[in-house]
């Protein structure tokens, strides 16, 4: 059965924090300059994840910035796992983001709304 509590809580969580885009579409990754961000990427200001940084977000091509999915990642090289919140993403945006996180030593799963 589909439980809406998570998505309602995520809506409230996202709405209560400022979105910071620190890696705009087309910009290079700071440590891996060959990688270009296919969509805007950033974080929610005032939030924290296990890496002590803000919770990561991807901004899709839809006009609204409401949560449409989350990606759960596992990085075998870094021995860490994270979630990334997808805001305003189309199905094509989601597949693009999932492909980014299913590369090399990374694995990811997409959980859609």
PDB file of N, CA and C in Angstrom:
ATOM      1  N   UNK A   1       0.838  -1.181   0.000  1.00  0.00           N
ATOM      2  CA  UNK A   1       0.000   0.000   0.000  1.00  0.00           C
ATOM      3  C   UNK A   1       0.885   1.247   0.000  1.00  0.00           C
ATOM      4  N   UNK A   2       0.496   2.243  -0.733  1.00  0.00           N
ATOM      5  CA  UNK A   2       1.239   3.485  -0.862  1.00  0.00           C
ATOM      6  C   UNK A   2       0.999   4.354   0.374  1.00  0.00           C
ATOM      7  N   UNK A   3       2.067   4.769   1.036  1.00  0.00           N
ATOM      8  CA  UNK A   3       1.973   5.595   2.231  1.00  0.00           C
ATOM      9  C   UNK A   3       2.455   7.004   1.889  1.00  0.00           C
ATOM     10  N   UNK A   4       1.609   7.976   2.062  1.00  0.00           N
ATOM     11  CA  UNK A   4       1.939   9.351   1.674  1.00  0.00           C
ATOM     12  C   UNK A   4       2.671  10.134   2.764  1.00  0.00           C
ATOM     13  N   UNK A   5       2.808   9.586   3.964  1.00  0.00           N
ATOM     14  CA  UNK A   5       3.433  10.338   5.067  1.00  0.00           C
ATOM     15  C   UNK A   5       4.853  10.774   4.739  1.00  0.00           C
ATOM     16  N   UNK A   6       5.631   9.906   4.115  1.00  0.00           N
ATOM     17  CA  UNK A   6       7.010  10.272   3.774  1.00  0.00           C
ATOM     18  C   UNK A   6       7.026  11.475   2.840  1.00  0.00           C
ATOM     19  N   UNK A   7       6.196  11.441   1.794  1.00  0.00           N
ATOM     20  CA  UNK A   7       6.196  12.522   0.812  1.00  0.00           C
ATOM     21  C   UNK A   7       5.672  13.817   1.403  1.00  0.00           C
ATOM     22  N   UNK A   8       4.686  13.739   2.283  1.00  0.00           N
ATOM     23  CA  UNK A   8       4.191  14.940   2.964  1.00  0.00           C
ATOM     24  C   UNK A   8       5.285  15.537   3.851  1.00  0.00           C
ATOM     25  N   UNK A   9       5.980  14.673   4.575  1.00  0.00           N
ATOM     26  CA  UNK A   9       7.073  15.144   5.432  1.00  0.00           C
ATOM     27  C   UNK A   9       8.199  15.737   4.592  1.00  0.00           C
ATOM     28  N   UNK A  10       8.497  15.111   3.462  1.00  0.00           N
ATOM     29  CA  UNK A  10       9.556  15.627   2.586  1.00  0.00           C
ATOM     30  C   UNK A  10       9.158  16.980   1.994  1.00  0.00           C
ATOM     31  N   UNK A  11       7.901  17.151   1.621  1.00  0.00           N
ATOM     32  CA  UNK A  11       7.414  18.452   1.143  1.00  0.00           C
ATOM     33  C   UNK A  11       7.659  19.532   2.197  1.00  0.00           C
ATOM     34  N   UNK A  12       7.306  19.245   3.437  1.00  0.00           N
ATOM     35  CA  UNK A  12       7.491  20.200   4.538  1.00  0.00           C
ATOM     36  C   UNK A  12       8.969  20.470   4.765  1.00  0.00           C
ATOM     37  N   UNK A  13       9.773  19.419   4.743  1.00  0.00           N
ATOM     38  CA  UNK A  13      11.219  19.539   4.962  1.00  0.00           C
ATOM     39  C   UNK A  13      11.858  20.436   3.910  1.00  0.00           C
ATOM     40  N   UNK A  14      11.575  20.178   2.645  1.00  0.00           N
ATOM     41  CA  UNK A  14      12.152  20.965   1.553  1.00  0.00           C
ATOM     42  C   UNK A  14      11.676  22.412   1.634  1.00  0.00           C
ATOM     43  N   UNK A  15      10.388  22.619   1.908  1.00  0.00           N
ATOM     44  CA  UNK A  15       9.834  23.975   1.957  1.00  0.00           C
ATOM     45  C   UNK A  15      10.417  24.808   3.091  1.00  0.00           C
ATOM     46  N   UNK A  16      10.948  24.153   4.118  1.00  0.00           N
ATOM     47  CA  UNK A  16      11.466  24.885   5.273  1.00  0.00           C
ATOM     48  C   UNK A  16      12.962  25.192   5.177  1.00  0.00           C
ATOM     49  N   UNK A  17      13.576  24.886   4.043  1.00  0.00           N
ATOM     50  CA  UNK A  17      15.008  25.156   3.846  1.00  0.00           C
ATOM     51  C   UNK A  17      15.244  25.835   2.498  1.00  0.00           C
ATOM     52  N   UNK A  18      16.217  26.717   2.472  1.00  0.00           N
ATOM     53  CA  UNK A  18      16.588  27.364   1.212  1.00  0.00           C
ATOM     54  C   UNK A  18      17.354  26.402   0.330  1.00  0.00           C
ATOM     55  N   UNK A  19      17.085  26.482  -0.958  1.00  0.00           N
ATOM     56  CA  UNK A  19      17.792  25.671  -1.943  1.00  0.00           C
ATOM     57  C   UNK A  19      19.023  26.440  -2.407  1.00  0.00           C
ATOM     58  N   UNK A  20      20.178  25.805  -2.316  1.00  0.00           N
ATOM     59  CA  UNK A  20      21.432  26.396  -2.777  1.00  0.00           C
ATOM     60  C   UNK A  20      21.911  25.581  -3.978  1.00  0.00           C
ATOM     61  N   UNK A  21      22.049  26.244  -5.133  1.00  0.00           N
ATOM     62  CA  UNK A  21      22.581  25.586  -6.328  1.00  0.00           C
ATOM     63  C   UNK A  21      24.043  25.989  -6.428  1.00  0.00           C
ATOM     64  N   UNK A  22      24.934  25.085  -6.055  1.00  0.00           N
ATOM     65  CA  UNK A  22      26.362  25.393  -6.115  1.00  0.00           C
ATOM     66  C   UNK A  22      27.059  24.753  -7.315  1.00  0.00           C
ATOM     67  N   UNK A  23      26.321  23.931  -8.049  1.00  0.00           N
ATOM     68  CA  UNK A  23      26.863  23.311  -9.254  1.00  0.00           C
ATOM     69  C   UNK A  23      25.804  23.378 -10.359  1.00  0.00           C
ATOM     70  N   UNK A  24      25.756  24.502 -11.059  1.00  0.00           N
ATOM     71  CA  UNK A  24      24.737  24.673 -12.097  1.00  0.00           C
ATOM     72  C   UNK A  24      24.916  23.703 -13.267  1.00  0.00           C
ATOM     73  N   UNK A  25      23.828  23.503 -13.977  1.00  0.00           N
ATOM     74  CA  UNK A  25      23.827  22.667 -15.174  1.00  0.00           C
ATOM     75  C   UNK A  25      25.026  23.014 -16.062  1.00  0.00           C
ATOM     76  N   UNK A  26      25.775  22.005 -16.474  1.00  0.00           N
ATOM     77  CA  UNK A  26      26.920  22.204 -17.362  1.00  0.00           C
ATOM     78  C   UNK A  26      28.235  22.496 -16.668  1.00  0.00           C
ATOM     79  N   UNK A  27      28.206  22.767 -15.359  1.00  0.00           N
ATOM     80  CA  UNK A  27      29.459  23.065 -14.657  1.00  0.00           C
ATOM     81  C   UNK A  27      30.239  21.782 -14.376  1.00  0.00           C
ATOM     82  N   UNK A  28      31.535  21.929 -14.183  1.00  0.00           N
ATOM     83  CA  UNK A  28      32.411  20.785 -13.925  1.00  0.00           C
ATOM     84  C   UNK A  28      32.421  20.442 -12.436  1.00  0.00           C
ATOM     85  N   UNK A  29      32.571  19.170 -12.150  1.00  0.00           N
ATOM     86  CA  UNK A  29      32.742  18.717 -10.770  1.00  0.00           C
ATOM     87  C   UNK A  29      34.066  19.256 -10.253  1.00  0.00           C
ATOM     88  N   UNK A  30      34.133  19.710  -8.991  1.00  0.00           N
ATOM     89  CA  UNK A  30      35.377  20.307  -8.490  1.00  0.00           C
ATOM     90  C   UNK A  30      36.575  19.343  -8.439  1.00  0.00           C
ATOM     91  N   UNK A  31      36.335  18.061  -8.210  1.00  0.00           N
ATOM     92  CA  UNK A  31      37.446  17.090  -8.145  1.00  0.00           C
ATOM     93  C   UNK A  31      37.587  16.257  -9.412  1.00  0.00           C
ATOM     94  N   UNK A  32      36.536  16.203 -10.222  1.00  0.00           N
ATOM     95  CA  UNK A  32      36.538  15.399 -11.443  1.00  0.00           C
ATOM     96  C   UNK A  32      36.113  16.292 -12.602  1.00  0.00           C
ATOM     97  N   UNK A  33      37.013  17.119 -13.113  1.00  0.00           N
ATOM     98  CA  UNK A  33      36.641  18.148 -14.098  1.00  0.00           C
ATOM     99  C   UNK A  33      36.071  17.611 -15.416  1.00  0.00           C
ATOM    100  N   UNK A  34      36.274  16.351 -15.714  1.00  0.00           N
ATOM    101  CA  UNK A  34      35.687  15.788 -16.933  1.00  0.00           C
ATOM    102  C   UNK A  34      34.182  15.567 -16.791  1.00  0.00           C
ATOM    103  N   UNK A  35      33.715  15.480 -15.543  1.00  0.00           N
ATOM    104  CA  UNK A  35      32.284  15.290 -15.297  1.00  0.00           C
ATOM    105  C   UNK A  35      31.582  16.646 -15.311  1.00  0.00           C
ATOM    106  N   UNK A  36      30.536  16.737 -16.113  1.00  0.00           N
ATOM    107  CA  UNK A  36      29.707  17.948 -16.194  1.00  0.00           C
ATOM    108  C   UNK A  36      28.323  17.625 -15.644  1.00  0.00           C
ATOM    109  N   UNK A  37      27.807  18.492 -14.833  1.00  0.00           N
ATOM    110  CA  UNK A  37      26.486  18.281 -14.252  1.00  0.00           C
ATOM    111  C   UNK A  37      25.404  18.421 -15.322  1.00  0.00           C
ATOM    112  N   UNK A  38      24.582  17.377 -15.504  1.00  0.00           N
ATOM    113  CA  UNK A  38      23.555  17.423 -16.545  1.00  0.00           C
ATOM    114  C   UNK A  38      22.335  18.263 -16.155  1.00  0.00           C
ATOM    115  N   UNK A  39      22.184  18.535 -14.874  1.00  0.00           N
ATOM    116  CA  UNK A  39      21.098  19.360 -14.337  1.00  0.00           C
ATOM    117  C   UNK A  39      21.669  20.160 -13.167  1.00  0.00           C
ATOM    118  N   UNK A  40      20.925  21.145 -12.704  1.00  0.00           N
ATOM    119  CA  UNK A  40      21.370  21.890 -11.520  1.00  0.00           C
ATOM    120  C   UNK A  40      21.464  20.954 -10.324  1.00  0.00           C
ATOM    121  N   UNK A  41      22.520  21.159  -9.515  1.00  0.00           N
ATOM    122  CA  UNK A  41      22.795  20.313  -8.364  1.00  0.00           C
ATOM    123  C   UNK A  41      23.166  21.213  -7.200  1.00  0.00           C
ATOM    124  N   UNK A  42      22.717  20.864  -6.039  1.00  0.00           N
ATOM    125  CA  UNK A  42      23.048  21.670  -4.868  1.00  0.00           C
ATOM    126  C   UNK A  42      22.668  20.966  -3.587  1.00  0.00           C
ATOM    127  N   UNK A  43      22.186  21.759  -2.623  1.00  0.00           N
ATOM    128  CA  UNK A  43      21.846  21.202  -1.319  1.00  0.00           C
ATOM    129  C   UNK A  43      20.810  22.079  -0.630  1.00  0.00           C
ATOM    130  N   UNK A  44      20.246  21.536   0.425  1.00  0.00           N
ATOM    131  CA  UNK A  44      19.300  22.290   1.244  1.00  0.00           C
ATOM    132  C   UNK A  44      20.074  22.944   2.380  1.00  0.00           C
ATOM    133  N   UNK A  45      20.057  24.261   2.404  1.00  0.00           N
ATOM    134  CA  UNK A  45      20.784  25.023   3.415  1.00  0.00           C
ATOM    135  C   UNK A  45      20.252  24.694   4.811  1.00  0.00           C
ATOM    136  N   UNK A  46      21.166  24.560   5.749  1.00  0.00           N
ATOM    137  CA  UNK A  46      20.779  24.298   7.129  1.00  0.00           C
ATOM    138  C   UNK A  46      20.478  22.849   7.431  1.00  0.00           C
ATOM    139  N   UNK A  47      20.763  21.957   6.480  1.00  0.00           N
ATOM    140  CA  UNK A  47      20.571  20.522   6.711  1.00  0.00           C
ATOM    141  C   UNK A  47      21.940  19.851   6.772  1.00  0.00           C
ATOM    142  N   UNK A  48      21.955  18.635   7.285  1.00  0.00           N
ATOM    143  CA  UNK A  48      23.221  17.905   7.411  1.00  0.00           C
ATOM    144  C   UNK A  48      23.008  16.438   7.117  1.00  0.00           C
ATOM    145  N   UNK A  49      23.981  15.867   6.440  1.00  0.00           N
ATOM    146  CA  UNK A  49      23.977  14.432   6.193  1.00  0.00           C
ATOM    147  C   UNK A  49      25.219  13.867   6.858  1.00  0.00           C
ATOM    148  N   UNK A  50      25.471  12.608   6.703  1.00  0.00           N
ATOM    149  CA  UNK A  50      26.595  11.965   7.388  1.00  0.00           C
ATOM    150  C   UNK A  50      27.944  12.577   7.019  1.00  0.00           C
ATOM    151  N   UNK A  51      28.046  13.182   5.811  1.00  0.00           N
ATOM    152  CA  UNK A  51      29.311  13.802   5.410  1.00  0.00           C
ATOM    153  C   UNK A  51      29.447  15.235   5.943  1.00  0.00           C
ATOM    154  N   UNK A  52      28.515  15.631   6.809  1.00  0.00           N
ATOM    155  CA  UNK A  52      28.492  16.960   7.445  1.00  0.00           C
ATOM    156  C   UNK A  52      28.079  18.075   6.492  1.00  0.00           C
ATOM    157  N   UNK A  53      27.834  17.770   5.235  1.00  0.00           N
ATOM    158  CA  UNK A  53      27.357  18.759   4.277  1.00  0.00           C
ATOM    159  C   UNK A  53      25.835  18.742   4.248  1.00  0.00           C
ATOM    160  N   UNK A  54      25.261  19.709   3.543  1.00  0.00           N
ATOM    161  CA  UNK A  54      23.816  19.757   3.391  1.00  0.00           C
ATOM    162  C   UNK A  54      23.305  18.584   2.578  1.00  0.00           C
ATOM    163  N   UNK A  55      22.026  18.290   2.736  1.00  0.00           N
ATOM    164  CA  UNK A  55      21.401  17.200   1.981  1.00  0.00           C
ATOM    165  C   UNK A  55      21.346  17.604   0.515  1.00  0.00           C
ATOM    166  N   UNK A  56      21.850  16.724  -0.346  1.00  0.00           N
ATOM    167  CA  UNK A  56      21.968  17.003  -1.773  1.00  0.00           C
ATOM    168  C   UNK A  56      20.614  17.008  -2.468  1.00  0.00           C
ATOM    169  N   UNK A  57      20.530  17.880  -3.479  1.00  0.00           N
ATOM    170  CA  UNK A  57      19.327  17.954  -4.298  1.00  0.00           C
ATOM    171  C   UNK A  57      19.709  18.078  -5.768  1.00  0.00           C
ATOM    172  N   UNK A  58      18.864  17.549  -6.610  1.00  0.00           N
ATOM    173  CA  UNK A  58      18.923  17.732  -8.059  1.00  0.00           C
ATOM    174  C   UNK A  58      17.683  18.520  -8.445  1.00  0.00           C
ATOM    175  N   UNK A  59      17.827  19.482  -9.342  1.00  0.00           N
ATOM    176  CA  UNK A  59      16.695  20.255  -9.845  1.00  0.00           C
ATOM    177  C   UNK A  59      16.440  19.826 -11.289  1.00  0.00           C
ATOM    178  N   UNK A  60      15.230  19.332 -11.540  1.00  0.00           N
ATOM    179  CA  UNK A  60      14.862  18.875 -12.873  1.00  0.00           C
ATOM    180  C   UNK A  60      14.325  19.990 -13.746  1.00  0.00           C
ATOM    181  N   UNK A  61      13.725  19.598 -14.855  1.00  0.00           N
ATOM    182  CA  UNK A  61      13.294  20.558 -15.866  1.00  0.00           C
ATOM    183  C   UNK A  61      11.845  21.032 -15.715  1.00  0.00           C
ATOM    184  N   UNK A  62      11.116  20.528 -14.722  1.00  0.00           N
ATOM    185  CA  UNK A  62       9.760  21.015 -14.483  1.00  0.00           C
ATOM    186  C   UNK A  62       9.811  22.382 -13.810  1.00  0.00           C
ATOM    187  N   UNK A  63       8.745  23.164 -13.964  1.00  0.00           N
ATOM    188  CA  UNK A  63       8.717  24.520 -13.407  1.00  0.00           C
ATOM    189  C   UNK A  63       8.665  24.514 -11.873  1.00  0.00           C
ATOM    190  N   UNK A  64       8.011  23.521 -11.279  1.00  0.00           N
ATOM    191  CA  UNK A  64       7.912  23.492  -9.811  1.00  0.00           C
ATOM    192  C   UNK A  64       9.152  22.831  -9.204  1.00  0.00           C
ATOM    193  N   UNK A  65       9.374  23.111  -7.946  1.00  0.00           N
ATOM    194  CA  UNK A  65      10.511  22.517  -7.227  1.00  0.00           C
ATOM    195  C   UNK A  65      10.027  21.648  -6.074  1.00  0.00           C
ATOM    196  N   UNK A  66       9.003  20.881  -6.336  1.00  0.00           N
ATOM    197  CA  UNK A  66       8.486  19.957  -5.334  1.00  0.00           C
ATOM    198  C   UNK A  66       9.196  18.613  -5.473  1.00  0.00           C
ATOM    199  N   UNK A  67       9.350  17.875  -4.367  1.00  0.00           N
ATOM    200  CA  UNK A  67       9.992  16.566  -4.449  1.00  0.00           C
ATOM    201  C   UNK A  67       9.223  15.618  -5.365  1.00  0.00           C
ATOM    202  N   UNK A  68       9.938  15.035  -6.309  1.00  0.00           N
ATOM    203  CA  UNK A  68       9.340  14.060  -7.217  1.00  0.00           C
ATOM    204  C   UNK A  68       9.921  12.664  -7.015  1.00  0.00           C
ATOM    205  N   UNK A  69      11.089  12.595  -6.365  1.00  0.00           N
ATOM    206  CA  UNK A  69      11.732  11.301  -6.126  1.00  0.00           C
ATOM    207  C   UNK A  69      12.916  11.504  -5.190  1.00  0.00           C
ATOM    208  N   UNK A  70      13.463  10.401  -4.728  1.00  0.00           N
ATOM    209  CA  UNK A  70      14.748  10.405  -4.044  1.00  0.00           C
ATOM    210  C   UNK A  70      15.611   9.318  -4.667  1.00  0.00           C
ATOM    211  N   UNK A  71      16.901   9.559  -4.647  1.00  0.00           N
ATOM    212  CA  UNK A  71      17.857   8.549  -5.077  1.00  0.00           C
ATOM    213  C   UNK A  71      18.655   8.155  -3.839  1.00  0.00           C
ATOM    214  N   UNK A  72      18.743   6.860  -3.602  1.00  0.00           N
ATOM    215  CA  UNK A  72      19.567   6.340  -2.518  1.00  0.00           C
ATOM    216  C   UNK A  72      20.829   5.792  -3.165  1.00  0.00           C
ATOM    217  N   UNK A  73      21.983   6.335  -2.743  1.00  0.00           N
ATOM    218  CA  UNK A  73      23.245   5.943  -3.368  1.00  0.00           C
ATOM    219  C   UNK A  73      24.112   5.139  -2.405  1.00  0.00           C
ATOM    220  N   UNK A  74      24.950   4.325  -2.996  1.00  0.00           N
ATOM    221  CA  UNK A  74      25.940   3.550  -2.261  1.00  0.00           C
ATOM    222  C   UNK A  74      27.246   3.675  -3.024  1.00  0.00           C
ATOM    223  N   UNK A  75      28.263   4.185  -2.360  1.00  0.00           N
ATOM    224  CA  UNK A  75      29.575   4.359  -2.979  1.00  0.00           C
ATOM    225  C   UNK A  75      30.545   3.387  -2.315  1.00  0.00           C
ATOM    226  N   UNK A  76      30.939   2.355  -3.053  1.00  0.00           N
ATOM    227  CA  UNK A  76      31.825   1.333  -2.499  1.00  0.00           C
ATOM    228  C   UNK A  76      33.226   1.867  -2.241  1.00  0.00           C
ATOM    229  N   UNK A  77      33.690   2.792  -3.062  1.00  0.00           N
ATOM    230  CA  UNK A  77      35.024   3.360  -2.892  1.00  0.00           C
ATOM    231  C   UNK A  77      35.114   4.194  -1.616  1.00  0.00           C
ATOM    232  N   UNK A  78      34.102   4.995  -1.369  1.00  0.00           N
ATOM    233  CA  UNK A  78      34.087   5.860  -0.180  1.00  0.00           C
ATOM    234  C   UNK A  78      33.491   5.177   1.047  1.00  0.00           C
ATOM    235  N   UNK A  79      32.890   4.011   0.856  1.00  0.00           N
ATOM    236  CA  UNK A  79      32.192   3.294   1.931  1.00  0.00           C
ATOM    237  C   UNK A  79      31.130   4.173   2.586  1.00  0.00           C
ATOM    238  N   UNK A  80      30.291   4.787   1.744  1.00  0.00           N
ATOM    239  CA  UNK A  80      29.232   5.629   2.277  1.00  0.00           C
ATOM    240  C   UNK A  80      27.960   5.487   1.455  1.00  0.00           C
ATOM    241  N   UNK A  81      26.878   5.914   2.070  1.00  0.00           N
ATOM    242  CA  UNK A  81      25.577   5.922   1.425  1.00  0.00           C
ATOM    243  C   UNK A  81      24.937   7.273   1.695  1.00  0.00           C
ATOM    244  N   UNK A  82      24.139   7.757   0.738  1.00  0.00           N
ATOM    245  CA  UNK A  82      23.467   9.040   0.874  1.00  0.00           C
ATOM    246  C   UNK A  82      22.105   8.972   0.203  1.00  0.00           C
ATOM    247  N   UNK A  83      21.285   9.982   0.509  1.00  0.00           N
ATOM    248  CA  UNK A  83      20.085  10.202  -0.287  1.00  0.00           C
ATOM    249  C   UNK A  83      20.247  11.535  -0.995  1.00  0.00           C
ATOM    250  N   UNK A  84      19.622  11.638  -2.134  1.00  0.00           N
ATOM    251  CA  UNK A  84      19.591  12.871  -2.902  1.00  0.00           C
ATOM    252  C   UNK A  84      18.131  13.109  -3.259  1.00  0.00           C
ATOM    253  N   UNK A  85      17.658  14.303  -2.984  1.00  0.00           N
ATOM    254  CA  UNK A  85      16.264  14.640  -3.237  1.00  0.00           C
ATOM    255  C   UNK A  85      16.143  15.225  -4.633  1.00  0.00           C
ATOM    256  N   UNK A  86      15.212  14.719  -5.407  1.00  0.00           N
ATOM    257  CA  UNK A  86      14.975  15.203  -6.769  1.00  0.00           C
ATOM    258  C   UNK A  86      13.771  16.126  -6.753  1.00  0.00           C
ATOM    259  N   UNK A  87      13.972  17.337  -7.231  1.00  0.00           N
ATOM    260  CA  UNK A  87      12.921  18.353  -7.225  1.00  0.00           C
ATOM    261  C   UNK A  87      12.522  18.691  -8.645  1.00  0.00           C
ATOM    262  N   UNK A  88      11.240  18.628  -8.928  1.00  0.00           N
ATOM    263  CA  UNK A  88      10.735  19.011 -10.237  1.00  0.00           C
ATOM    264  C   UNK A  88      11.311  18.205 -11.388  1.00  0.00           C
ATOM    265  N   UNK A  89      11.462  16.921 -11.197  1.00  0.00           N
ATOM    266  CA  UNK A  89      12.093  16.071 -12.220  1.00  0.00           C
ATOM    267  C   UNK A  89      11.055  15.312 -13.048  1.00  0.00           C
ATOM    268  N   UNK A  90      11.275  15.303 -14.351  1.00  0.00           N
ATOM    269  CA  UNK A  90      10.493  14.470 -15.253  1.00  0.00           C
ATOM    270  C   UNK A  90      11.036  13.043 -15.180  1.00  0.00           C
ATOM    271  N   UNK A  91      10.312  12.056 -15.725  1.00  0.00           N
ATOM    272  CA  UNK A  91      10.871  10.701 -15.786  1.00  0.00           C
ATOM    273  C   UNK A  91      12.224  10.650 -16.502  1.00  0.00           C
ATOM    274  N   UNK A  92      12.399  11.431 -17.563  1.00  0.00           N
ATOM    275  CA  UNK A  92      13.687  11.461 -18.268  1.00  0.00           C
ATOM    276  C   UNK A  92      14.787  12.048 -17.380  1.00  0.00           C
ATOM    277  N   UNK A  93      14.463  13.127 -16.636  1.00  0.00           N
ATOM    278  CA  UNK A  93      15.429  13.699 -15.690  1.00  0.00           C
ATOM    279  C   UNK A  93      15.851  12.656 -14.661  1.00  0.00           C
ATOM    280  N   UNK A  94      14.866  11.927 -14.138  1.00  0.00           N
ATOM    281  CA  UNK A  94      15.145  10.916 -13.117  1.00  0.00           C
ATOM    282  C   UNK A  94      16.074   9.834 -13.641  1.00  0.00           C
ATOM    283  N   UNK A  95      15.842   9.384 -14.864  1.00  0.00           N
ATOM    284  CA  UNK A  95      16.702   8.348 -15.443  1.00  0.00           C
ATOM    285  C   UNK A  95      18.123   8.873 -15.672  1.00  0.00           C
ATOM    286  N   UNK A  96      18.246  10.119 -16.068  1.00  0.00           N
ATOM    287  CA  UNK A  96      19.556  10.747 -16.253  1.00  0.00           C
ATOM    288  C   UNK A  96      20.315  10.796 -14.928  1.00  0.00           C
ATOM    289  N   UNK A  97      19.638  11.226 -13.870  1.00  0.00           N
ATOM    290  CA  UNK A  97      20.259  11.303 -12.539  1.00  0.00           C
ATOM    291  C   UNK A  97      20.630   9.910 -12.053  1.00  0.00           C
ATOM    292  N   UNK A  98      19.752   8.958 -12.234  1.00  0.00           N
ATOM    293  CA  UNK A  98      20.033   7.584 -11.816  1.00  0.00           C
ATOM    294  C   UNK A  98      21.276   7.057 -12.536  1.00  0.00           C
ATOM    295  N   UNK A  99      21.407   7.340 -13.818  1.00  0.00           N
ATOM    296  CA  UNK A  99      22.583   6.889 -14.577  1.00  0.00           C
ATOM    297  C   UNK A  99      23.866   7.508 -14.024  1.00  0.00           C
ATOM    298  N   UNK A 100      23.803   8.776 -13.616  1.00  0.00           N
ATOM    299  CA  UNK A 100      24.976   9.437 -13.018  1.00  0.00           C
ATOM    300  C   UNK A 100      25.438   8.680 -11.782  1.00  0.00           C
ATOM    301  N   UNK A 101      24.482   8.226 -10.973  1.00  0.00           N
ATOM    302  CA  UNK A 101      24.810   7.578  -9.707  1.00  0.00           C
ATOM    303  C   UNK A 101      24.983   6.069  -9.824  1.00  0.00           C
ATOM    304  N   UNK A 102      24.821   5.521 -11.008  1.00  0.00           N
ATOM    305  CA  UNK A 102      25.084   4.099 -11.249  1.00  0.00           C
ATOM    306  C   UNK A 102      26.303   3.954 -12.154  1.00  0.00           C
ATOM    307  N   UNK A 103      27.343   4.685 -11.836  1.00  0.00           N
ATOM    308  CA  UNK A 103      28.556   4.693 -12.639  1.00  0.00           C
ATOM    309  C   UNK A 103      29.748   4.344 -11.757  1.00  0.00           C
ATOM    310  N   UNK A 104      30.675   3.595 -12.282  1.00  0.00           N
ATOM    311  CA  UNK A 104      31.890   3.260 -11.541  1.00  0.00           C
ATOM    312  C   UNK A 104      31.595   2.452 -10.298  1.00  0.00           C
ATOM    313  N   UNK A 105      32.137   2.907  -9.164  1.00  0.00           N
ATOM    314  CA  UNK A 105      31.956   2.204  -7.899  1.00  0.00           C
ATOM    315  C   UNK A 105      30.663   2.590  -7.194  1.00  0.00           C
ATOM    316  N   UNK A 106      29.822   3.365  -7.846  1.00  0.00           N
ATOM    317  CA  UNK A 106      28.563   3.792  -7.258  1.00  0.00           C
ATOM    318  C   UNK A 106      27.407   2.909  -7.722  1.00  0.00           C
ATOM    319  N   UNK A 107      26.446   2.767  -6.841  1.00  0.00           N
ATOM    320  CA  UNK A 107      25.180   2.111  -7.174  1.00  0.00           C
ATOM    321  C   UNK A 107      24.071   2.968  -6.595  1.00  0.00           C
ATOM    322  N   UNK A 108      22.926   2.977  -7.243  1.00  0.00           N
ATOM    323  CA  UNK A 108      21.816   3.791  -6.762  1.00  0.00           C
ATOM    324  C   UNK A 108      20.496   3.145  -7.112  1.00  0.00           C
ATOM    325  N   UNK A 109      19.482   3.530  -6.350  1.00  0.00           N
ATOM    326  CA  UNK A 109      18.121   3.113  -6.612  1.00  0.00           C
ATOM    327  C   UNK A 109      17.244   4.357  -6.556  1.00  0.00           C
ATOM    328  N   UNK A 110      16.258   4.392  -7.411  1.00  0.00           N
ATOM    329  CA  UNK A 110      15.341   5.520  -7.520  1.00  0.00           C
ATOM    330  C   UNK A 110      14.026   5.162  -6.823  1.00  0.00           C
ATOM    331  N   UNK A 111      13.561   6.050  -5.958  1.00  0.00           N
ATOM    332  CA  UNK A 111      12.264   5.884  -5.305  1.00  0.00           C
ATOM    333  C   UNK A 111      11.405   7.059  -5.752  1.00  0.00           C
ATOM    334  N   UNK A 112      10.375   6.774  -6.547  1.00  0.00           N
ATOM    335  CA  UNK A 112       9.549   7.838  -7.105  1.00  0.00           C
ATOM    336  C   UNK A 112       8.288   8.052  -6.263  1.00  0.00           C
ATOM    337  N   UNK A 113       7.780   9.244  -6.393  1.00  0.00           N
ATOM    338  CA  UNK A 113       6.582   9.637  -5.667  1.00  0.00           C
ATOM    339  C   UNK A 113       5.351   8.944  -6.219  1.00  0.00           C
TER     340      UNK A 113
END
